[in-house]
Amino acid sequence: MATSSYEEFDPLCTWRHDGGHKTLVIHLPHFHKEQLKIHICNFGAMKISGERPLSATKRYRFSKEVKIPEDINAHDIHAKFVKGLLYIEMPKKHKESPLRKRFDRTPNLEQSVIELKKFTVTVVVAVAAVSTLGAFVVCLYGCF
């Protein structure tokens, strides 16, 4: 039985930025979907590899590691392979308001209610202070 030899190559890769997501396009002519693998690593990287036969004793393969951008939601990454092009679509994370982040970090409902009450009191006090200051200014300049 003859052993296979391998020819390594580095596929052409391009990035597309379309509003809510980024797409990595990898040019892989003569490959089939079944010959490709994508693995998302725990440390913020994605490994893409593939291998196909060139002859009875020779195989063509690649392995590429790409850093996943920090603004990408790694759990929603998906890929499709169409006519020799591998599209890896990476949706961006949704930006959350600071108030929502503040309450999402709260460990339980009771603590959330306390935080919300504190926030409400702060807003009410601020509105009362501005109203009082406004009334004082009106009285000061309107009473002459």
Protein backbone atom coordinates (compact mmCIF):
# COMPACT_ATOMS: atom_id res chain seq x y z
CA MET A 1 0.00 0.00 0.00
CA ALA A 2 1.44 3.38 -1.03
CA THR A 3 1.54 6.17 1.52
CA SER A 4 0.04 9.53 0.69
CA SER A 5 2.11 12.65 0.38
CA TYR A 6 0.66 16.05 1.08
CA GLU A 7 0.86 19.36 -0.70
CA GLU A 8 0.13 22.24 1.68
CA PHE A 9 -1.35 25.50 0.43
CA ASP A 10 -2.61 28.77 1.87
CA PRO A 11 -6.04 29.64 0.43
CA LEU A 12 -6.98 33.16 -0.59
CA CYS A 13 -9.09 34.81 2.13
CA THR A 14 -11.02 38.07 2.00
CA TRP A 15 -13.12 39.90 4.59
CA ARG A 16 -16.49 41.54 3.94
CA HIS A 17 -18.10 43.95 6.40
CA ASP A 18 -21.87 44.24 6.04
CA GLY A 19 -23.39 46.31 8.84
CA GLY A 20 -24.43 43.76 11.44
CA HIS A 21 -21.90 41.06 10.56
CA LYS A 22 -18.47 40.28 9.15
CA THR A 23 -17.92 37.54 6.59
CA LEU A 24 -14.69 35.68 5.93
CA VAL A 25 -14.66 34.33 2.36
CA ILE A 26 -12.16 31.53 1.68
CA HIS A 27 -11.51 30.52 -1.93
CA LEU A 28 -11.38 26.71 -2.15
CA PRO A 29 -11.86 25.61 -5.77
CA HIS A 30 -12.29 21.86 -6.38
CA PHE A 31 -13.16 21.20 -2.72
CA HIS A 32 -16.42 19.68 -1.50
CA LYS A 33 -18.26 20.61 1.69
CA GLU A 34 -17.48 17.20 3.23
CA GLN A 35 -13.74 17.86 2.88
CA LEU A 36 -13.81 20.95 5.13
CA LYS A 37 -13.76 21.39 8.92
CA ILE A 38 -14.34 24.45 11.08
CA HIS A 39 -13.60 24.41 14.79
CA ILE A 40 -14.20 27.34 17.15
CA CYS A 41 -11.67 27.27 19.98
CA ASN A 42 -12.28 28.44 23.54
CA PHE A 43 -9.58 31.09 23.38
CA GLY A 44 -11.17 33.29 20.69
CA ALA A 45 -9.85 31.64 17.56
CA MET A 46 -11.32 29.59 14.75
CA LYS A 47 -9.45 26.79 12.99
CA ILE A 48 -10.42 26.05 9.39
CA SER A 49 -8.93 23.05 7.59
CA GLY A 50 -9.52 20.92 4.55
CA GLU A 51 -8.06 18.08 2.56
CA ARG A 52 -8.81 16.60 -0.85
CA PRO A 53 -7.15 14.04 -3.13
CA LEU A 54 -4.99 15.19 -6.04
CA SER A 55 -4.06 11.69 -7.20
CA ALA A 56 -3.94 8.15 -5.82
CA THR A 57 -0.90 9.00 -3.69
CA LYS A 58 -1.06 12.77 -3.25
CA ARG A 59 -3.42 14.95 -1.21
CA TYR A 60 -3.95 18.71 -1.19
CA ARG A 61 -4.56 20.28 2.25
CA PHE A 62 -4.62 23.50 4.23
CA SER A 63 -5.01 24.61 7.81
CA LYS A 64 -5.74 28.17 8.80
CA GLU A 65 -6.30 29.76 12.19
CA VAL A 66 -8.20 33.05 12.38
CA LYS A 67 -8.68 35.23 15.44
CA ILE A 68 -12.35 35.91 16.08
CA PRO A 69 -12.80 39.70 16.41
CA GLU A 70 -13.89 40.86 19.88
CA ASP A 71 -17.08 42.48 18.56
CA ILE A 72 -18.30 39.12 17.19
CA ASN A 73 -20.81 36.80 18.87
CA ALA A 74 -18.92 33.49 18.55
CA HIS A 75 -22.02 31.41 19.41
CA ASP A 76 -23.83 32.60 16.28
CA ILE A 77 -21.07 32.01 13.71
CA HIS A 78 -22.26 29.91 10.78
CA ALA A 79 -20.81 28.84 7.44
CA LYS A 80 -21.97 27.91 3.98
CA PHE A 81 -20.04 26.50 1.03
CA VAL A 82 -21.13 27.58 -2.45
CA LYS A 83 -19.27 26.93 -5.73
CA GLY A 84 -15.78 26.72 -4.25
CA LEU A 85 -16.28 29.59 -1.79
CA LEU A 86 -16.55 29.05 1.96
CA TYR A 87 -18.50 31.88 3.59
CA ILE A 88 -18.06 32.13 7.36
CA GLU A 89 -20.59 34.66 8.63
CA MET A 90 -19.91 36.24 12.01
CA PRO A 91 -22.70 38.37 13.51
CA LYS A 92 -21.63 41.28 15.65
CA LYS A 93 -22.61 41.47 19.30
CA HIS A 94 -25.59 43.69 20.07
CA LYS A 95 -24.68 46.77 22.05
CA GLU A 96 -26.56 46.92 25.33
CA SER A 97 -27.49 50.03 27.23
CA PRO A 98 -25.50 50.66 30.44
CA LEU A 99 -28.72 50.41 32.48
CA ARG A 100 -29.53 46.96 31.06
CA LYS A 101 -25.99 45.74 31.71
CA ARG A 102 -26.25 47.02 35.27
CA PHE A 103 -29.38 45.01 36.00
CA ASP A 104 -28.31 41.90 34.02
CA ARG A 105 -25.33 41.50 36.34
CA THR A 106 -27.55 41.46 39.44
CA PRO A 107 -27.56 37.95 40.98
CA ASN A 108 -31.23 37.74 41.93
CA LEU A 109 -34.61 39.40 41.53
CA GLU A 110 -34.67 40.88 45.02
CA GLN A 111 -31.36 42.65 44.44
CA SER A 112 -32.65 43.88 41.06
CA VAL A 113 -35.68 45.46 42.72
CA ILE A 114 -33.46 47.22 45.29
CA GLU A 115 -31.18 48.55 42.53
CA LEU A 116 -34.18 49.73 40.50
CA LYS A 117 -35.65 51.53 43.53
CA LYS A 118 -32.32 53.28 44.19
CA PHE A 119 -32.13 54.33 40.55
CA THR A 120 -35.74 55.61 40.63
CA VAL A 121 -35.12 57.62 43.82
CA THR A 122 -32.01 59.16 42.26
CA VAL A 123 -33.99 60.22 39.18
CA VAL A 124 -36.85 61.64 41.30
CA VAL A 125 -34.42 63.62 43.50
CA ALA A 126 -32.66 64.99 40.41
CA VAL A 127 -35.97 66.07 38.83
CA ALA A 128 -37.10 67.68 42.12
CA ALA A 129 -33.80 69.56 42.44
CA VAL A 130 -34.01 70.89 38.88
CA SER A 131 -37.67 71.89 39.40
CA THR A 132 -36.86 73.69 42.66
CA LEU A 133 -33.95 75.51 41.06
CA GLY A 134 -36.19 76.51 38.15
CA ALA A 135 -38.89 77.83 40.50
CA PHE A 136 -36.27 79.79 42.46
CA VAL A 137 -34.90 81.40 39.29
CA VAL A 138 -38.42 82.31 38.11
CA CYS A 139 -39.25 83.77 41.50
CA LEU A 140 -35.94 85.63 41.71
CA TYR A 141 -36.29 87.27 38.32
CA GLY A 142 -40.09 87.35 38.19
CA CYS A 143 -40.62 88.97 41.60
CA PHE A 144 -38.83 92.28 40.80
